[in-house]
N, C-alpha and C. Protein backbone atom coordinates (compact mmCIF):
# COMPACT_ATOMS: atom_id res chain seq x y z
N UNK A 1 0.77 -1.13 -0.07
CA UNK A 1 0.01 0.04 0.14
C UNK A 1 0.96 1.30 -0.04
N UNK A 2 0.57 2.20 -0.89
CA UNK A 2 1.45 3.43 -0.99
C UNK A 2 0.77 4.44 -0.08
N UNK A 3 1.69 5.52 0.10
CA UNK A 3 1.16 6.63 1.11
C UNK A 3 0.02 7.23 0.70
N UNK A 4 -0.49 7.41 -0.53
CA UNK A 4 -1.67 7.98 -0.79
C UNK A 4 -2.82 7.12 -0.39
N UNK A 5 -2.64 5.82 -0.78
CA UNK A 5 -3.60 4.92 -0.23
C UNK A 5 -3.83 4.94 1.19
N UNK A 6 -2.82 4.93 2.00
CA UNK A 6 -2.86 4.87 3.38
C UNK A 6 -3.79 6.20 3.83
N UNK A 7 -3.37 7.44 3.30
CA UNK A 7 -4.11 8.49 3.54
C UNK A 7 -5.57 8.46 3.28
N UNK A 8 -5.86 8.05 2.09
CA UNK A 8 -7.22 7.81 1.52
C UNK A 8 -8.06 6.91 2.84
N UNK A 9 -7.35 5.77 3.12
CA UNK A 9 -8.00 4.82 4.02
C UNK A 9 -8.05 5.55 5.42
N UNK A 10 -7.10 6.37 5.86
CA UNK A 10 -7.30 7.07 7.10
C UNK A 10 -8.32 8.05 6.96
N UNK A 11 -8.51 8.72 5.95
CA UNK A 11 -9.69 9.63 5.68
C UNK A 11 -10.99 8.98 5.89
N UNK A 12 -11.13 7.72 5.28
CA UNK A 12 -12.27 7.01 5.14
C UNK A 12 -12.61 6.70 6.69
N UNK A 13 -11.69 6.04 7.35
CA UNK A 13 -11.90 5.69 8.72
C UNK A 13 -12.15 6.84 9.58
N UNK A 14 -11.73 8.16 9.41
CA UNK A 14 -12.16 9.27 10.14
C UNK A 14 -13.56 9.49 9.95
N UNK A 15 -14.08 9.50 8.71
CA UNK A 15 -15.46 9.78 8.38
C UNK A 15 -16.39 8.80 8.97
N UNK A 16 -16.01 7.34 8.78
CA UNK A 16 -16.83 6.45 9.53
C UNK A 16 -16.96 6.51 10.98
N UNK A 17 -15.81 6.94 11.45
CA UNK A 17 -15.94 6.98 13.10
C UNK A 17 -16.75 8.36 13.50
N UNK A 18 -16.75 9.35 12.68
CA UNK A 18 -17.48 10.56 12.70
C UNK A 18 -19.14 10.09 12.47
N UNK A 19 -19.41 9.25 11.63
CA UNK A 19 -20.69 8.85 11.30
C UNK A 19 -21.16 8.09 12.41
N UNK A 20 -20.33 7.29 13.01
CA UNK A 20 -20.66 6.30 14.05
C UNK A 20 -21.06 7.13 15.35
N UNK A 21 -20.28 8.19 15.58
CA UNK A 21 -20.46 9.01 16.78
C UNK A 21 -22.01 9.68 16.67
N UNK A 22 -22.30 10.15 15.38
CA UNK A 22 -23.52 10.82 15.12
C UNK A 22 -24.66 9.82 15.46
N UNK A 23 -24.48 8.38 14.98
CA UNK A 23 -25.47 7.38 15.14
C UNK A 23 -25.63 7.16 16.61
N UNK A 24 -24.45 6.92 17.29
CA UNK A 24 -24.50 6.59 18.67
C UNK A 24 -25.21 7.49 19.58
N UNK A 25 -25.29 8.88 19.16
CA UNK A 25 -25.97 9.99 19.90
C UNK A 25 -27.37 9.66 20.04
N UNK A 26 -27.91 8.87 18.98
CA UNK A 26 -29.33 8.60 18.92
C UNK A 26 -29.83 7.36 19.72
N UNK A 27 -28.66 6.52 20.26
CA UNK A 27 -28.95 5.34 20.92
C UNK A 27 -29.33 5.75 22.36
N UNK A 28 -30.21 5.00 22.87
CA UNK A 28 -30.57 5.02 24.35
C UNK A 28 -30.33 3.80 25.14
N UNK A 29 -29.76 3.86 26.25
CA UNK A 29 -29.48 2.71 27.07
C UNK A 29 -30.02 2.88 28.34
N UNK A 30 -30.65 1.74 28.94
CA UNK A 30 -31.33 1.90 30.29
C UNK A 30 -30.57 1.07 31.34
N UNK A 31 -30.29 1.71 32.30
CA UNK A 31 -29.75 1.26 33.62
C UNK A 31 -30.80 1.18 34.63
N UNK A 32 -30.58 0.14 35.49
CA UNK A 32 -31.55 -0.06 36.61
C UNK A 32 -30.87 -0.46 37.99
N UNK A 33 -31.53 -0.09 38.96
CA UNK A 33 -31.15 -0.48 40.34
C UNK A 33 -32.26 -0.93 41.36
N UNK A 34 -31.95 -1.53 42.28
CA UNK A 34 -33.06 -1.83 43.19
C UNK A 34 -34.04 -2.85 42.62
N UNK A 35 -33.55 -3.78 41.83
CA UNK A 35 -34.34 -4.80 41.16
C UNK A 35 -35.43 -4.12 40.25
N UNK A 36 -34.98 -2.95 39.59
CA UNK A 36 -35.77 -2.42 38.49
C UNK A 36 -36.68 -1.33 39.21
N UNK A 37 -36.70 -1.07 40.49
CA UNK A 37 -37.36 0.07 41.18
C UNK A 37 -37.01 1.46 40.72
N UNK A 38 -35.79 1.44 40.26
CA UNK A 38 -35.18 2.85 39.55
C UNK A 38 -34.56 2.48 38.33
N UNK A 39 -35.07 3.32 37.39
CA UNK A 39 -34.58 3.19 36.03
C UNK A 39 -34.10 4.43 35.50
N UNK A 40 -32.96 4.44 34.82
CA UNK A 40 -32.56 5.71 34.19
C UNK A 40 -32.25 5.35 32.68
N UNK A 41 -32.40 6.35 31.85
CA UNK A 41 -32.10 6.22 30.48
C UNK A 41 -30.96 7.26 30.00
N UNK A 42 -29.84 6.78 29.35
CA UNK A 42 -28.85 7.70 28.97
C UNK A 42 -28.81 7.81 27.34
N UNK A 43 -28.56 8.96 27.01
CA UNK A 43 -28.46 9.02 25.33
C UNK A 43 -27.15 8.46 25.03
N UNK A 44 -26.62 8.22 23.93
CA UNK A 44 -25.47 7.72 23.38
C UNK A 44 -24.17 8.53 23.78
N UNK A 45 -24.47 9.85 24.01
CA UNK A 45 -23.38 10.64 24.38
C UNK A 45 -23.32 10.88 26.05
N UNK A 46 -23.98 10.03 26.55
CA UNK A 46 -23.91 9.88 28.19
C UNK A 46 -24.92 11.02 28.80
N UNK A 47 -25.89 11.64 28.11
CA UNK A 47 -26.63 12.52 28.79
C UNK A 47 -27.86 11.81 29.46
N UNK A 48 -28.09 12.09 30.63
CA UNK A 48 -29.40 11.49 31.35
C UNK A 48 -30.56 12.19 30.80
N UNK A 49 -31.37 11.04 30.26
CA UNK A 49 -32.59 11.74 29.48
C UNK A 49 -33.99 11.42 30.40
N UNK A 50 -33.94 10.35 31.10
CA UNK A 50 -35.10 9.99 31.90
C UNK A 50 -34.79 9.33 33.17
N UNK A 51 -35.76 9.54 34.32
CA UNK A 51 -35.40 8.77 35.45
C UNK A 51 -36.93 8.30 35.89
N UNK A 52 -37.08 6.92 36.06
CA UNK A 52 -38.31 6.43 36.45
C UNK A 52 -38.22 5.68 37.85
N UNK A 53 -39.01 6.11 38.73
CA UNK A 53 -38.98 5.43 40.00
C UNK A 53 -40.20 4.75 40.35
N UNK A 54 -40.18 3.60 41.13
CA UNK A 54 -41.35 2.93 41.66
C UNK A 54 -41.87 3.91 42.72
N UNK A 55 -43.29 4.01 42.74
CA UNK A 55 -43.98 4.87 43.69
C UNK A 55 -43.91 4.46 45.17
N UNK A 56 -43.48 3.09 45.37
CA UNK A 56 -43.25 2.70 46.78
C UNK A 56 -41.98 3.20 47.32
N UNK A 57 -41.16 3.82 46.83
CA UNK A 57 -39.94 4.63 47.02
C UNK A 57 -40.20 5.91 47.79
N UNK A 58 -41.37 6.35 47.58
CA UNK A 58 -41.62 7.68 48.09
C UNK A 58 -42.46 7.68 49.42
N UNK A 59 -41.78 7.11 50.34
CA UNK A 59 -42.28 6.86 51.73
C UNK A 59 -41.33 7.70 52.57
N UNK A 60 -41.90 8.10 53.76
CA UNK A 60 -41.09 8.78 54.80
C UNK A 60 -39.90 8.16 55.05
N UNK A 61 -38.83 9.00 55.04
CA UNK A 61 -37.49 8.43 55.39
C UNK A 61 -36.62 7.63 54.34
N UNK A 62 -37.33 7.53 53.13
CA UNK A 62 -36.65 6.85 52.12
C UNK A 62 -35.88 7.56 51.09
N UNK A 63 -35.73 8.67 51.30
CA UNK A 63 -35.19 9.77 50.32
C UNK A 63 -33.66 9.36 49.93
N UNK A 64 -32.95 9.11 51.07
CA UNK A 64 -31.47 8.69 50.90
C UNK A 64 -31.54 7.41 50.06
N UNK A 65 -32.18 6.41 50.16
CA UNK A 65 -32.13 5.21 49.49
C UNK A 65 -32.55 5.53 48.11
N UNK A 66 -33.49 6.33 47.77
CA UNK A 66 -33.96 6.62 46.39
C UNK A 66 -32.79 7.23 45.63
N UNK A 67 -32.04 8.31 46.47
CA UNK A 67 -31.08 8.89 45.78
C UNK A 67 -30.00 8.09 45.40
N UNK A 68 -29.57 7.19 46.32
CA UNK A 68 -28.62 5.97 46.04
C UNK A 68 -28.82 5.12 45.03
N UNK A 69 -30.14 4.80 44.84
CA UNK A 69 -30.58 3.94 43.70
C UNK A 69 -30.52 4.68 42.37
N UNK A 70 -30.77 5.84 42.36
CA UNK A 70 -30.73 6.67 41.10
C UNK A 70 -29.19 6.67 40.76
N UNK A 71 -28.40 7.06 41.58
CA UNK A 71 -26.85 7.06 41.30
C UNK A 71 -26.59 5.53 40.85
N UNK A 72 -27.03 4.50 41.38
CA UNK A 72 -26.47 3.18 41.02
C UNK A 72 -27.18 2.98 39.64
N UNK A 73 -28.28 3.33 39.34
CA UNK A 73 -28.86 3.01 38.11
C UNK A 73 -28.11 3.66 36.93
N UNK A 74 -27.70 5.02 37.27
CA UNK A 74 -26.89 5.73 36.43
C UNK A 74 -25.60 5.09 36.03
N UNK A 75 -24.88 4.60 36.97
CA UNK A 75 -23.75 3.82 36.77
C UNK A 75 -23.96 2.47 36.00
N UNK A 76 -24.88 1.80 36.18
CA UNK A 76 -25.43 0.73 35.36
C UNK A 76 -25.48 1.17 33.89
N UNK A 77 -26.29 2.14 33.69
CA UNK A 77 -26.39 2.55 32.24
C UNK A 77 -25.26 2.88 31.69
N UNK A 78 -24.37 3.70 32.52
CA UNK A 78 -23.14 4.10 31.89
C UNK A 78 -22.30 3.02 31.46
N UNK A 79 -22.08 1.95 32.35
CA UNK A 79 -21.39 0.91 31.97
C UNK A 79 -21.71 0.16 30.77
N UNK A 80 -23.11 0.04 30.54
CA UNK A 80 -23.61 -0.62 29.35
C UNK A 80 -23.42 0.25 28.20
N UNK A 81 -23.49 1.62 28.30
CA UNK A 81 -23.26 2.61 27.16
C UNK A 81 -21.80 2.54 26.68
N UNK A 82 -20.78 2.61 27.58
CA UNK A 82 -19.47 2.25 27.36
C UNK A 82 -19.13 1.08 26.65
N UNK A 83 -19.71 -0.11 26.99
CA UNK A 83 -19.55 -1.32 26.40
C UNK A 83 -20.11 -1.29 25.02
N UNK A 84 -21.22 -0.79 24.91
CA UNK A 84 -21.82 -0.54 23.50
C UNK A 84 -21.01 0.12 22.55
N UNK A 85 -20.50 1.37 23.06
CA UNK A 85 -19.86 2.19 22.22
C UNK A 85 -18.41 1.52 21.87
N UNK A 86 -17.74 0.78 22.81
CA UNK A 86 -16.45 -0.01 22.57
C UNK A 86 -16.82 -1.06 21.49
N UNK A 87 -17.83 -1.87 21.64
CA UNK A 87 -18.30 -2.87 20.70
C UNK A 87 -18.51 -2.28 19.30
N UNK A 88 -19.10 -1.26 19.19
CA UNK A 88 -19.36 -0.66 17.88
C UNK A 88 -17.84 -0.09 17.31
N UNK A 89 -17.09 0.42 18.05
CA UNK A 89 -16.00 1.06 17.67
C UNK A 89 -15.10 -0.14 17.13
N UNK A 90 -15.15 -1.07 17.87
CA UNK A 90 -14.23 -2.36 17.57
C UNK A 90 -14.61 -3.01 16.30
N UNK A 91 -15.97 -2.91 15.90
CA UNK A 91 -16.49 -3.58 14.76
C UNK A 91 -15.86 -2.68 13.60
N UNK A 92 -16.01 -1.39 13.81
CA UNK A 92 -15.52 -0.39 12.70
C UNK A 92 -14.02 -0.59 12.54
N UNK A 93 -13.30 -0.76 13.52
CA UNK A 93 -11.87 -0.98 13.33
C UNK A 93 -11.64 -2.36 12.66
N UNK A 94 -12.41 -3.20 13.02
CA UNK A 94 -12.30 -4.58 12.14
C UNK A 94 -12.57 -4.40 10.77
N UNK A 95 -13.41 -3.58 10.37
CA UNK A 95 -13.85 -3.47 8.96
C UNK A 95 -12.54 -2.82 8.10
N UNK A 96 -11.74 -2.04 8.95
CA UNK A 96 -10.54 -1.63 8.31
C UNK A 96 -9.20 -2.32 8.55
N UNK A 97 -9.47 -3.52 9.03
CA UNK A 97 -8.37 -4.41 9.28
C UNK A 97 -7.37 -4.15 10.36
N UNK A 98 -7.93 -3.31 11.30
CA UNK A 98 -7.06 -3.08 12.53
C UNK A 98 -7.15 -4.20 13.45
N UNK A 99 -6.18 -4.38 14.08
CA UNK A 99 -6.06 -5.59 15.30
C UNK A 99 -7.09 -5.27 16.22
N UNK A 100 -7.56 -6.37 17.02
CA UNK A 100 -8.33 -6.27 18.16
C UNK A 100 -7.79 -5.29 19.03
N UNK A 101 -8.54 -4.42 19.87
CA UNK A 101 -7.96 -3.45 20.74
C UNK A 101 -7.29 -2.19 20.32
N UNK A 102 -7.26 -1.94 19.01
CA UNK A 102 -6.79 -0.79 18.41
C UNK A 102 -8.09 -0.06 18.13
N UNK A 103 -8.06 1.19 18.75
CA UNK A 103 -9.20 1.97 18.59
C UNK A 103 -9.08 2.93 17.55
N UNK A 104 -10.35 3.54 17.16
CA UNK A 104 -10.05 4.66 16.10
C UNK A 104 -10.05 6.01 16.77
């Protein structure tokens, strides 16, 4: 492969990575905690979009538990989102013949 081909391939990879980032922004990932009593939805860029809570959590003295569950659900969703992004980028890297673990 000559230098021109390498540069063209790099430009193509860059465009595909940018396209994937735009596509991932539309993805929604749900995380949950407390056996599903608290659920959060993150966008593909990590923004918190929704929080859903079970009504039984709104009892006297349960506020701290609810807050902890929201944080845990957010963490669950964030881990799932990071895995999905890594998987998508890995697939894209594979299409360009990059070895596993080499990101774009």
